[in-house]
Protein backbone atom coordinates (compact mmCIF):
# COMPACT_ATOMS: atom_id res chain seq x y z
CA MET A 1 -76.60 -0.96 114.05
CA THR A 2 -75.82 0.97 110.90
CA ALA A 3 -73.01 3.12 109.61
CA LEU A 4 -73.85 6.73 108.78
CA SER A 5 -72.96 8.41 105.49
CA ARG A 6 -72.43 12.12 105.96
CA ARG A 7 -72.88 12.89 102.26
CA THR A 8 -76.10 10.90 102.13
CA VAL A 9 -77.47 12.85 105.04
CA ILE A 10 -76.44 16.16 103.55
CA LYS A 11 -78.38 15.36 100.40
CA GLY A 12 -81.48 14.94 102.50
CA ALA A 13 -81.75 11.22 102.94
CA THR A 14 -81.69 11.38 106.68
CA ALA A 15 -84.78 13.55 106.67
CA ALA A 16 -86.62 10.32 106.02
CA ALA A 17 -86.77 7.53 108.56
CA GLY A 18 -84.14 5.19 107.16
CA LEU A 19 -80.42 5.46 106.57
CA SER A 20 -78.65 3.50 103.88
CA LEU A 21 -75.56 1.42 104.46
CA LEU A 22 -72.39 2.14 102.54
CA PRO A 23 -70.32 -0.80 101.31
CA THR A 24 -67.35 -1.16 103.62
CA PRO A 25 -64.28 -3.37 103.59
CA ALA A 26 -64.14 -6.14 106.14
CA SER A 27 -61.62 -4.22 108.22
CA ALA A 28 -63.89 -1.17 108.34
CA ALA A 29 -66.93 -3.31 109.15
CA ALA A 30 -65.10 -4.72 112.15
CA SER A 31 -64.61 -1.22 113.53
CA ARG A 32 -68.08 0.10 112.69
CA VAL A 33 -69.37 2.40 115.43
CA PRO A 34 -72.93 2.57 116.74
CA LEU A 35 -75.44 5.09 115.44
CA THR A 36 -77.88 6.67 117.87
CA ARG A 37 -80.62 9.28 117.57
CA GLU A 38 -81.68 12.04 119.92
CA GLU A 39 -84.31 14.76 119.89
CA HIS A 40 -83.96 18.10 121.65
CA ARG A 41 -85.82 21.35 121.81
CA VAL A 42 -82.74 23.46 120.99
CA VAL A 43 -79.13 22.64 120.21
CA VAL A 44 -76.24 25.09 120.46
CA ILE A 45 -73.04 24.22 118.61
CA GLY A 46 -70.10 25.71 120.48
CA SER A 47 -69.47 26.96 124.00
CA GLY A 48 -67.58 30.21 123.48
CA PHE A 49 -68.96 33.71 123.97
CA GLY A 50 -71.98 33.36 121.67
CA GLY A 51 -72.77 29.83 122.75
CA GLY A 52 -72.30 30.61 126.43
CA VAL A 53 -74.63 33.60 126.34
CA THR A 54 -77.24 31.61 124.40
CA ALA A 55 -77.12 28.63 126.74
CA LEU A 56 -77.47 30.73 129.89
CA ARG A 57 -80.30 32.96 128.72
CA LEU A 58 -82.35 30.08 127.26
CA ALA A 59 -81.86 28.00 130.41
CA GLN A 60 -82.91 30.95 132.57
CA ALA A 61 -86.01 31.29 130.39
CA GLY A 62 -86.94 27.69 131.17
CA VAL A 63 -85.81 26.19 127.84
CA PRO A 64 -83.79 22.95 128.06
CA VAL A 65 -80.67 23.36 125.92
CA LEU A 66 -78.02 20.96 124.67
CA VAL A 67 -74.59 22.46 124.00
CA LEU A 68 -72.31 20.46 121.72
CA GLU A 69 -68.60 21.10 122.28
CA ARG A 70 -65.94 19.30 120.25
CA GLY A 71 -63.23 19.86 122.87
CA ILE A 72 -62.75 19.03 126.53
CA ARG A 73 -63.05 20.86 129.83
CA TRP A 74 -59.97 22.66 131.16
CA PRO A 75 -60.47 23.07 134.93
CA THR A 76 -58.00 25.33 136.71
CA GLY A 77 -57.04 26.24 140.24
CA PRO A 78 -54.04 27.34 142.23
CA ASN A 79 -50.91 25.52 141.04
CA ALA A 80 -52.83 23.44 138.50
CA GLU A 81 -51.13 21.99 135.43
CA THR A 82 -54.21 21.82 133.22
CA PHE A 83 -52.93 24.03 130.40
CA PRO A 84 -49.76 23.50 128.37
CA HIS A 85 -46.77 25.81 128.58
CA PRO A 86 -45.56 27.67 125.47
CA THR A 87 -41.95 27.08 126.43
CA SER A 88 -42.41 23.30 126.65
CA PRO A 89 -45.09 22.49 124.06
CA ASP A 90 -46.93 19.21 124.14
CA LYS A 91 -50.00 17.57 122.60
CA ARG A 92 -52.39 19.73 124.63
CA ILE A 93 -51.70 22.73 122.40
CA PHE A 94 -53.01 21.34 119.11
CA TRP A 95 -56.41 20.19 117.94
CA LEU A 96 -56.54 16.84 116.14
CA GLY A 97 -54.37 16.89 113.04
CA SER A 98 -53.90 20.66 113.06
CA ALA A 99 -50.54 21.60 111.60
CA PRO A 100 -48.36 22.37 114.63
CA SER A 101 -47.21 25.77 113.41
CA LEU A 102 -47.48 29.06 115.28
CA PHE A 103 -46.11 32.27 113.75
CA GLY A 104 -44.48 30.11 111.08
CA ILE A 105 -42.43 28.14 113.62
CA VAL A 106 -43.00 24.44 113.08
CA SER A 107 -42.92 22.33 116.22
CA LEU A 108 -42.17 18.66 116.52
CA PRO A 109 -45.27 16.58 115.76
CA PHE A 110 -47.24 15.38 118.75
CA GLU A 111 -49.67 12.53 119.13
CA ARG A 112 -53.21 13.39 118.15
CA TYR A 113 -55.15 15.05 120.93
CA THR A 114 -58.21 17.23 121.37
CA GLY A 115 -56.04 20.21 122.24
CA LEU A 116 -56.68 23.92 122.48
CA LEU A 117 -55.74 25.32 119.08
CA GLU A 118 -56.63 24.56 115.49
CA ARG A 119 -54.94 26.32 112.61
CA VAL A 120 -57.40 26.55 109.71
CA PRO A 121 -55.36 27.14 106.56
CA GLY A 122 -56.66 29.55 103.95
CA ILE A 123 -55.40 31.11 100.76
CA GLY A 124 -53.64 34.30 101.81
CA MET A 125 -54.61 34.08 105.49
CA ASP A 126 -54.81 31.37 108.16
CA ILE A 127 -57.30 31.39 111.03
CA MET A 128 -56.47 30.37 114.58
CA CYS A 129 -59.43 28.65 116.30
CA ALA A 130 -59.92 27.44 119.84
CA ALA A 131 -61.45 24.19 121.08
CA GLY A 132 -62.74 23.37 124.55
CA VAL A 133 -65.52 24.34 126.92
CA GLY A 134 -65.27 28.12 126.95
CA GLY A 135 -64.04 28.41 123.37
CA GLY A 136 -61.69 31.29 122.63
CA SER A 137 -62.02 32.65 126.16
CA LEU A 138 -59.73 29.85 127.35
CA ILE A 139 -56.72 31.23 125.50
CA TYR A 140 -57.45 34.86 124.65
CA GLN A 141 -55.37 37.45 126.45
CA GLY A 142 -58.58 38.84 127.92
CA MET A 143 -58.73 42.38 126.53
CA THR A 144 -62.39 43.33 126.96
CA LEU A 145 -63.04 46.63 125.24
CA GLN A 146 -66.30 48.38 124.42
CA PRO A 147 -66.18 50.54 121.29
CA ASP A 148 -67.27 54.15 121.53
CA GLU A 149 -70.41 55.40 119.84
CA GLY A 150 -68.78 56.99 116.80
CA VAL A 151 -66.72 53.97 115.80
CA PHE A 152 -69.57 51.56 116.59
CA ASN A 153 -72.11 53.43 114.47
CA ALA A 154 -69.66 53.67 111.57
CA ASN A 155 -69.27 49.89 111.45
CA PHE A 156 -72.53 48.36 112.74
CA PRO A 157 -76.15 48.84 111.61
CA GLU A 158 -77.72 51.77 113.43
CA GLN A 159 -80.71 49.56 114.28
CA LEU A 160 -78.56 47.86 116.92
CA ASP A 161 -79.02 51.11 118.88
CA TYR A 162 -75.73 52.00 120.52
CA SER A 163 -77.46 53.76 123.39
CA ARG A 164 -79.20 50.56 124.46
CA MET A 165 -76.06 48.48 123.87
CA ASP A 166 -74.16 50.97 126.06
CA HIS A 167 -76.71 51.05 128.87
CA VAL A 168 -77.87 47.42 128.89
CA TYR A 169 -75.85 44.84 127.00
CA TYR A 170 -72.22 45.88 127.36
CA PRO A 171 -72.67 46.37 131.13
CA ARG A 172 -74.38 42.98 131.34
CA VAL A 173 -71.35 41.32 129.78
CA ALA A 174 -68.97 43.30 131.98
CA GLY A 175 -70.84 42.09 135.04
CA MET A 176 -70.75 38.44 133.98
CA LEU A 177 -67.02 38.58 133.23
CA GLN A 178 -66.24 40.56 136.40
CA LEU A 179 -63.92 42.97 134.62
CA GLY A 180 -61.09 44.74 136.38
CA THR A 181 -57.82 46.51 135.59
CA ALA A 182 -54.41 45.63 136.96
CA PRO A 183 -53.62 47.25 140.33
CA ASP A 184 -50.67 49.63 140.59
CA GLU A 185 -49.04 47.37 143.18
CA LEU A 186 -48.73 44.70 140.51
CA ILE A 187 -47.72 47.06 137.70
CA ASN A 188 -44.89 48.47 139.81
CA SER A 189 -43.47 45.03 140.56
CA ARG A 190 -40.28 43.77 138.96
CA THR A 191 -41.69 41.63 136.14
CA TYR A 192 -44.04 44.30 134.76
CA LYS A 193 -41.30 46.63 133.49
CA ALA A 194 -42.33 46.03 129.84
CA SER A 195 -45.81 47.33 130.67
CA ARG A 196 -44.38 50.45 132.31
CA VAL A 197 -42.01 51.15 129.41
CA PHE A 198 -44.84 50.76 126.90
CA ALA A 199 -47.02 53.26 128.78
CA ARG A 200 -44.17 55.75 129.12
CA ASN A 201 -43.14 55.52 125.46
CA ALA A 202 -46.69 55.75 124.15
CA GLU A 203 -47.36 58.88 126.18
CA GLN A 204 -44.06 60.42 125.08
CA ALA A 205 -45.10 59.74 121.47
CA GLY A 206 -48.27 61.73 122.08
CA TYR A 207 -50.70 58.82 122.35
CA ALA A 208 -53.32 58.37 125.03
CA VAL A 209 -52.76 55.37 127.29
CA SER A 210 -55.23 53.59 129.55
CA LYS A 211 -55.49 50.39 131.52
CA ILE A 212 -57.27 47.62 129.65
CA PRO A 213 -60.29 45.99 131.38
CA MET A 214 -59.64 42.27 131.81
CA PRO A 215 -61.80 39.36 133.07
CA ILE A 216 -59.28 38.63 135.79
CA ASP A 217 -59.26 38.54 139.57
CA TRP A 218 -55.94 40.31 139.99
CA THR A 219 -55.56 39.13 143.58
CA TYR A 220 -54.31 35.87 142.08
CA ALA A 221 -51.36 37.72 140.52
CA LEU A 222 -50.71 39.56 143.78
CA ARG A 223 -50.69 36.25 145.62
CA GLU A 224 -48.11 35.00 143.12
CA LEU A 225 -45.90 37.95 144.07
CA LYS A 226 -46.15 36.84 147.71
CA GLY A 227 -45.11 33.29 146.81
CA GLU A 228 -48.50 31.80 147.64
CA MET A 229 -48.86 30.25 144.15
CA LYS A 230 -46.59 29.20 141.34
CA PRO A 231 -46.16 32.00 138.79
CA SER A 232 -48.71 32.03 136.00
CA TYR A 233 -49.64 35.69 135.53
CA THR A 234 -46.47 37.26 136.86
CA ASN A 235 -44.14 35.33 134.55
CA GLY A 236 -46.26 35.60 131.40
CA ASP A 237 -47.04 31.88 131.35
CA CYS A 238 -50.68 32.53 130.50
CA SER A 239 -50.92 32.75 126.71
CA LEU A 240 -52.29 29.20 126.44
CA GLY A 241 -54.56 29.36 129.48
CA VAL A 242 -54.09 30.42 133.10
CA ASN A 243 -53.30 27.43 135.29
CA ASN A 244 -53.72 29.26 138.58
CA GLY A 245 -57.30 30.29 137.85
CA GLY A 246 -58.73 33.73 138.50
CA LYS A 247 -59.55 34.22 134.82
CA HIS A 248 -63.29 34.64 134.33
CA SER A 249 -63.53 32.72 131.07
CA VAL A 250 -66.86 31.61 129.60
CA ASP A 251 -66.65 28.12 131.09
CA VAL A 252 -66.61 29.44 134.67
CA THR A 253 -69.11 32.26 134.08
CA TYR A 254 -71.80 31.83 131.44
CA ILE A 255 -71.55 28.05 131.02
CA ALA A 256 -71.27 27.33 134.75
CA SER A 257 -74.30 29.54 135.40
CA ALA A 258 -76.27 27.81 132.65
CA GLU A 259 -75.47 24.35 134.04
CA ALA A 260 -76.43 25.51 137.52
CA THR A 261 -80.02 26.02 136.33
CA GLY A 262 -80.36 22.28 135.71
CA ARG A 263 -81.62 22.97 132.20
CA CYS A 264 -78.33 23.02 130.28
CA THR A 265 -76.34 19.97 129.26
CA VAL A 266 -72.85 20.40 127.83
CA ALA A 267 -71.75 17.40 125.77
CA THR A 268 -67.98 17.46 125.39
CA LEU A 269 -66.01 15.58 122.72
CA HIS A 270 -69.03 15.94 120.41
CA ASN A 271 -67.63 16.99 117.04
CA VAL A 272 -70.32 18.25 114.66
CA THR A 273 -69.62 17.14 111.10
CA ASP A 274 -72.72 18.42 109.28
CA VAL A 275 -76.03 20.19 109.72
CA ALA A 276 -79.16 19.81 107.58
CA LEU A 277 -82.79 20.81 107.29
CA ALA A 278 -85.14 17.87 107.86
CA LYS A 279 -88.27 17.31 105.79
CA ASP A 280 -90.45 18.16 108.78
CA GLY A 281 -88.80 21.58 109.11
CA ARG A 282 -86.67 20.73 112.11
CA TRP A 283 -82.89 20.71 112.16
CA GLN A 284 -80.59 17.72 112.02
CA ILE A 285 -77.09 17.74 113.44
CA LEU A 286 -74.61 14.97 112.61
CA VAL A 287 -72.15 14.39 115.40
CA ASP A 288 -69.14 12.20 116.02
CA ARG A 289 -68.65 11.44 119.70
CA ILE A 290 -64.90 11.05 119.90
CA SER A 291 -62.13 10.09 122.30
CA THR A 292 -59.30 12.48 123.07
CA ASP A 293 -57.21 10.94 120.28
CA GLY A 294 -59.99 11.54 117.76
CA THR A 295 -61.27 7.98 117.54
CA VAL A 296 -64.98 7.98 116.69
CA LEU A 297 -66.82 6.13 119.45
CA GLU A 298 -70.38 6.84 118.38
CA LYS A 299 -72.24 8.58 115.59
CA LYS A 300 -75.31 10.61 116.45
CA VAL A 301 -78.16 12.14 114.49
CA ILE A 302 -79.63 14.84 116.69
CA THR A 303 -82.89 16.53 115.73
CA ALA A 304 -83.88 19.91 117.19
CA ASN A 305 -86.61 22.47 116.76
CA ALA A 306 -84.01 25.24 116.83
CA LEU A 307 -80.31 25.26 116.03
CA VAL A 308 -77.87 27.95 117.15
CA MET A 309 -74.57 28.06 115.30
CA ALA A 310 -71.88 29.28 117.69
CA ALA A 311 -68.99 27.08 116.58
CA GLY A 312 -66.68 30.03 115.95
CA THR A 313 -66.39 32.14 112.82
CA ALA A 314 -64.53 29.62 110.70
CA ASN A 315 -66.41 26.48 111.68
CA THR A 316 -69.87 28.05 111.67
CA THR A 317 -69.27 29.40 108.16
CA LYS A 318 -67.75 26.14 106.91
CA LEU A 319 -70.60 24.01 108.28
CA LEU A 320 -73.25 26.24 106.71
CA MET A 321 -71.47 26.47 103.36
CA ARG A 322 -71.00 22.71 103.17
CA ALA A 323 -74.68 22.24 103.98
CA ALA A 324 -75.66 24.72 101.29
CA ALA A 325 -73.38 23.16 98.66
CA GLY A 326 -74.51 19.61 99.40
CA GLY A 327 -78.22 20.40 99.48
CA GLY A 328 -78.56 19.85 103.20
CA ILE A 329 -79.89 23.40 103.64
CA PRO A 330 -81.37 24.76 100.41
CA ASP A 331 -81.80 28.42 99.53
CA MET A 332 -79.21 29.87 101.84
CA PRO A 333 -78.64 33.63 101.45
CA ASP A 334 -76.25 34.57 98.65
CA GLY A 335 -74.01 36.46 101.08
CA LEU A 336 -72.99 33.31 102.95
CA GLY A 337 -69.20 33.11 103.12
CA THR A 338 -68.64 36.78 102.30
CA ASN A 339 -67.84 39.93 104.29
CA TRP A 340 -65.07 38.17 106.18
CA GLY A 341 -62.43 40.29 107.92
CA SER A 342 -59.35 39.78 110.08
CA ASN A 343 -60.18 42.62 112.51
CA GLY A 344 -56.96 44.14 111.18
CA ASP A 345 -54.77 41.98 113.44
CA ARG A 346 -51.05 42.78 113.53
CA ILE A 347 -48.67 41.04 115.96
CA TYR A 348 -45.19 42.52 116.45
CA THR A 349 -42.14 41.62 118.43
CA TRP A 350 -40.47 44.70 119.95
CA THR A 351 -36.79 44.43 120.79
CA ASN A 352 -35.64 47.39 122.85
CA PHE A 353 -31.96 48.36 123.00
CA ALA A 354 -32.61 51.35 125.26
CA ASP A 355 -34.53 49.59 128.04
CA ASP A 356 -34.04 46.09 129.33
CA PHE A 357 -37.53 44.62 129.81
CA GLY A 358 -36.09 41.80 131.85
CA SER A 359 -37.29 38.25 132.07
CA PRO A 360 -39.76 36.89 132.89
CA GLN A 361 -42.45 39.40 131.95
CA GLY A 362 -45.71 39.78 133.84
CA GLY A 363 -48.92 39.45 131.88
CA PRO A 364 -51.15 39.05 130.18
CA VAL A 365 -52.03 42.70 129.30
CA VAL A 366 -52.03 45.89 131.36
CA TYR A 367 -52.01 48.95 129.08
CA GLY A 368 -53.28 49.91 125.65
CA SER A 369 -53.43 52.98 123.44
CA LYS A 370 -56.73 53.71 121.69
CA GLU A 371 -56.75 55.95 118.60
CA TRP A 372 -60.47 56.14 117.92
CA ASN A 373 -61.00 59.75 116.84
CA ASP A 374 -61.31 58.81 113.15
CA PRO A 375 -63.85 55.96 112.73
CA THR A 376 -62.43 55.07 109.30
CA ARG A 377 -59.03 54.11 110.67
CA ALA A 378 -59.69 53.64 114.39
CA ASN A 379 -57.21 51.26 115.97
CA THR A 380 -55.88 49.97 119.27
CA VAL A 381 -52.30 49.02 120.16
CA ILE A 382 -51.49 47.03 123.28
CA GLN A 383 -48.44 45.46 124.88
CA ALA A 384 -48.56 41.77 125.78
CA SER A 385 -46.07 39.66 127.68
CA LEU A 386 -43.88 36.99 126.19
CA PRO A 387 -43.88 33.56 127.85
CA PRO A 388 -40.99 32.90 130.24
CA LEU A 389 -37.90 32.87 128.04
CA PRO A 390 -34.26 33.90 128.43
CA ASN A 391 -33.87 37.67 128.44
CA LEU A 392 -34.21 38.73 124.80
CA ARG A 393 -34.94 42.40 125.57
CA THR A 394 -38.13 41.70 123.64
CA THR A 395 -41.86 41.90 124.25
CA MET A 396 -44.99 41.85 122.08
CA LEU A 397 -47.07 44.66 120.61
CA VAL A 398 -50.48 43.87 119.13
CA GLY A 399 -52.63 46.13 116.98
CA TYR A 400 -56.10 45.78 115.50
CA GLY A 401 -58.77 48.09 114.18
CA VAL A 402 -61.14 49.16 111.43
CA SER A 403 -60.32 47.93 107.94
CA GLN A 404 -62.46 47.72 104.81
CA GLY A 405 -60.46 44.73 103.58
CA ARG A 406 -62.63 41.67 103.08
CA GLY A 407 -62.14 38.06 102.11
CA HIS A 408 -64.57 35.28 101.31
CA PHE A 409 -64.94 31.53 101.62
CA VAL A 410 -65.12 29.33 98.51
CA TYR A 411 -66.58 25.83 98.59
CA ASP A 412 -64.12 23.22 97.32
CA SER A 413 -66.05 20.17 96.12
CA VAL A 414 -62.94 17.98 96.08
CA LYS A 415 -62.24 18.69 99.75
CA ASP A 416 -65.94 18.99 100.61
CA ASP A 417 -64.96 22.07 102.55
CA ALA A 418 -65.08 25.86 102.41
CA VAL A 419 -61.71 27.59 102.14
CA LEU A 420 -60.95 31.21 103.00
CA HIS A 421 -59.61 33.40 100.18
CA TRP A 422 -57.92 36.58 101.41
CA PRO A 423 -56.65 39.27 99.02
CA ALA A 424 -53.05 40.38 99.44
CA ASN A 425 -52.73 43.72 101.22
CA ALA A 426 -56.44 43.83 102.04
CA ASP A 427 -55.64 45.49 105.37
CA ALA A 428 -52.85 47.66 103.95
CA ALA A 429 -54.20 51.08 104.99
CA LEU A 430 -54.84 50.02 108.58
CA ALA A 431 -51.58 48.07 108.74
CA GLU A 432 -49.66 51.19 107.69
CA ARG A 433 -51.27 53.25 110.45
CA ILE A 434 -50.63 50.58 113.09
CA HIS A 435 -47.03 50.27 111.92
CA THR A 436 -46.53 54.02 112.27
CA ARG A 437 -47.85 53.93 115.82
CA VAL A 438 -45.87 50.83 116.79
CA THR A 439 -42.67 52.35 115.43
CA ARG A 440 -43.17 55.60 117.32
CA ILE A 441 -43.96 53.76 120.56
CA ALA A 442 -40.96 51.47 120.20
CA GLY A 443 -38.60 54.40 119.74
CA ALA A 444 -35.40 54.88 117.77
CA ALA A 445 -33.29 52.38 119.69
CA ALA A 446 -35.51 49.43 118.84
CA ALA A 447 -36.28 46.79 116.26
CA GLU A 448 -39.84 45.76 115.41
CA LEU A 449 -40.85 42.62 113.52
CA ASP A 450 -44.34 42.37 112.03
CA THR A 451 -45.02 38.63 112.29
CA THR A 452 -48.36 39.01 110.47
CA THR A 453 -46.54 40.07 107.31
CA LEU A 454 -44.29 37.04 107.54
CA VAL A 455 -47.08 34.58 108.36
CA PRO A 456 -50.54 36.06 107.58
CA SER A 457 -52.92 34.84 110.25
CA THR A 458 -55.58 36.13 112.61
CA TRP A 459 -56.85 35.22 116.05
CA HIS A 460 -59.91 37.45 115.51
CA PRO A 461 -61.78 36.10 112.46
CA LEU A 462 -65.06 37.89 111.84
CA GLY A 463 -67.89 37.54 109.33
CA GLY A 464 -68.99 34.89 106.88
CA ALA A 465 -72.64 34.92 107.97
CA SER A 466 -72.91 38.61 108.68
CA MET A 467 -75.85 40.59 109.97
CA GLY A 468 -77.66 42.34 107.15
CA THR A 469 -76.57 39.90 104.42
CA VAL A 470 -77.09 36.41 105.86
CA CYS A 471 -78.80 37.07 109.19
CA ASP A 472 -80.92 39.72 110.83
CA LEU A 473 -79.64 41.60 113.86
CA ALA A 474 -80.77 38.83 116.22
CA GLY A 475 -78.82 36.22 114.27
CA ARG A 476 -81.82 34.65 112.52
CA VAL A 477 -80.67 33.19 109.21
CA LEU A 478 -82.82 34.85 106.56
CA GLY A 479 -85.48 32.54 105.17
CA HIS A 480 -84.77 29.72 107.63
CA ARG A 481 -87.01 29.49 110.64
CA GLY A 482 -85.26 28.17 113.73
CA LEU A 483 -81.69 28.60 112.44
CA TYR A 484 -79.49 31.18 114.16
CA VAL A 485 -75.88 32.40 114.04
CA LEU A 486 -74.60 33.93 117.28
CA ASP A 487 -70.82 34.06 117.17
CA GLY A 488 -68.09 35.95 115.33
CA ALA A 489 -69.51 34.90 111.97
CA LEU A 490 -72.41 37.31 112.60
CA MET A 491 -70.08 40.33 112.84
CA PRO A 492 -69.63 42.68 109.84
CA GLY A 493 -65.93 41.92 109.30
CA ASN A 494 -64.64 43.95 112.27
CA THR A 495 -65.67 44.94 115.78
CA ALA A 496 -65.02 48.68 115.72
CA ALA A 497 -61.34 48.84 116.76
CA CYS A 498 -61.78 46.40 119.66
CA ASN A 499 -60.92 42.78 120.08
CA PRO A 500 -64.17 40.94 119.38
CA SER A 501 -65.13 39.11 122.57
CA MET A 502 -67.14 41.79 124.35
CA THR A 503 -69.10 42.86 121.27
CA ILE A 504 -69.86 39.26 120.25
CA ALA A 505 -71.21 38.62 123.74
CA ALA A 506 -73.15 41.91 123.90
CA VAL A 507 -74.76 41.32 120.48
CA ALA A 508 -75.68 37.79 121.62
CA GLU A 509 -77.20 39.21 124.84
CA ARG A 510 -79.30 41.61 122.77
CA ALA A 511 -80.30 38.82 120.40
CA MET A 512 -81.36 36.50 123.21
CA ASP A 513 -83.64 39.15 124.72
CA GLU A 514 -85.41 39.39 121.36
CA ILE A 515 -85.43 35.66 120.64
CA ILE A 516 -86.83 34.77 124.07
CA ALA A 517 -89.53 37.42 123.72
CA GLN A 518 -90.52 36.62 120.13
CA ASP A 519 -89.37 33.14 119.08
CA VAL A 520 -89.26 30.70 121.98
CA ASP A 521 -92.97 29.96 122.26
CA VAL A 522 -93.43 29.87 118.48
CA VAL A 523 -90.24 28.31 117.08
CA PHE A 524 -88.70 26.36 119.96
């Protein structure tokens, strides 16, 4: 058995048959892990929205697909304790070695674990990434919004054809995620007062208010009200996953359907370290098979005819930039790493001295206010529950929207990594508009705290391998046959005043129709 050198592979040595050994100390030699090789028709890196769509549609088309997921499965059900609780944090929250800091609050260090969240530090902006089968759908609040035609066309290439997206692909996603809005019986219950106050105040401020479509079976929340389950929705204890179930995340929709075909294999705890172009034109993926504490149990070199990058915006971009810098994939498009946006994310706390929201607060999200009449500053503001805490008369307001602010990744040869660079005040114009709206909704007898100003971060990273600069509209990387990007990295820096999940999935659905029709028999 041999030890694998990532840098050697990236420089192209693994395209040949042999791998060289690196000199290792005796202690390292004693712990050397086995190296194995595999060949597959297509490999998908990541199991979130883009990866889930890709896996299902390829499997349905008769193509065997291997999905590599660095995290673990998070099965839920009534009264489960699969997910961690924000009010009693433990190792399940954090991905291996990720700095345990959320909103600038540093938690006690926990033992290393393949947990849900990774904070990817950047210069001027940090990115919050998910890990686990289902990707970001495990922990997102669930807001599933389709942009309207005007805002969509102002921010996406017209060749995507909004009419077809509206009639075919957005409805397809809505059907898979089984979208629904919260019933009035739930909204009128005791713990949803914050939702009711938000809707009342927004309407009094002159803003339109509507229920937000969510991938949730709301009967679970109603059963909680009846005492048939432990609270999970109705006490806001759902920001790090819903233990009771009823949330139609990617793992229980797209991925489960793909696996049910018998043609999709999901390999968990498979952490991709590098990707490269082999001499024969196929794609090589270097993988560490790890334990839940991060120990490397096996190294793999996987070769595939086609490779779909769906590892999430940050990790897809970083893997491709490292491959380009190290020579693993030559002649990558010049736009790689650019056109990155935060989706204009702003997260506020709203302390209300006029109305007592009470505690706990039902969640995750019921109402939102869409201001989409001007495509250049279109934005959405929603109210989201806090986790079960003592009564602080406080809830959360979240805004996002269209911003022209852009950052870019820079390859750091010392770190052998790509690092995000984000200009100060890049989202200033949008942030000012969101702040105006938040302040008016909160009212005079209130205090609002913009946590994004204090600790710049985003849960909605977009771009880095954008359509039109790095990829075509179906996610094909320009000049590289068999290499695709089908996640948030493909987006043009924002998703038209909506949180990204539905548009990422709808664009991936459109792409898979085209790829199956045009590429499978030729490339795969």
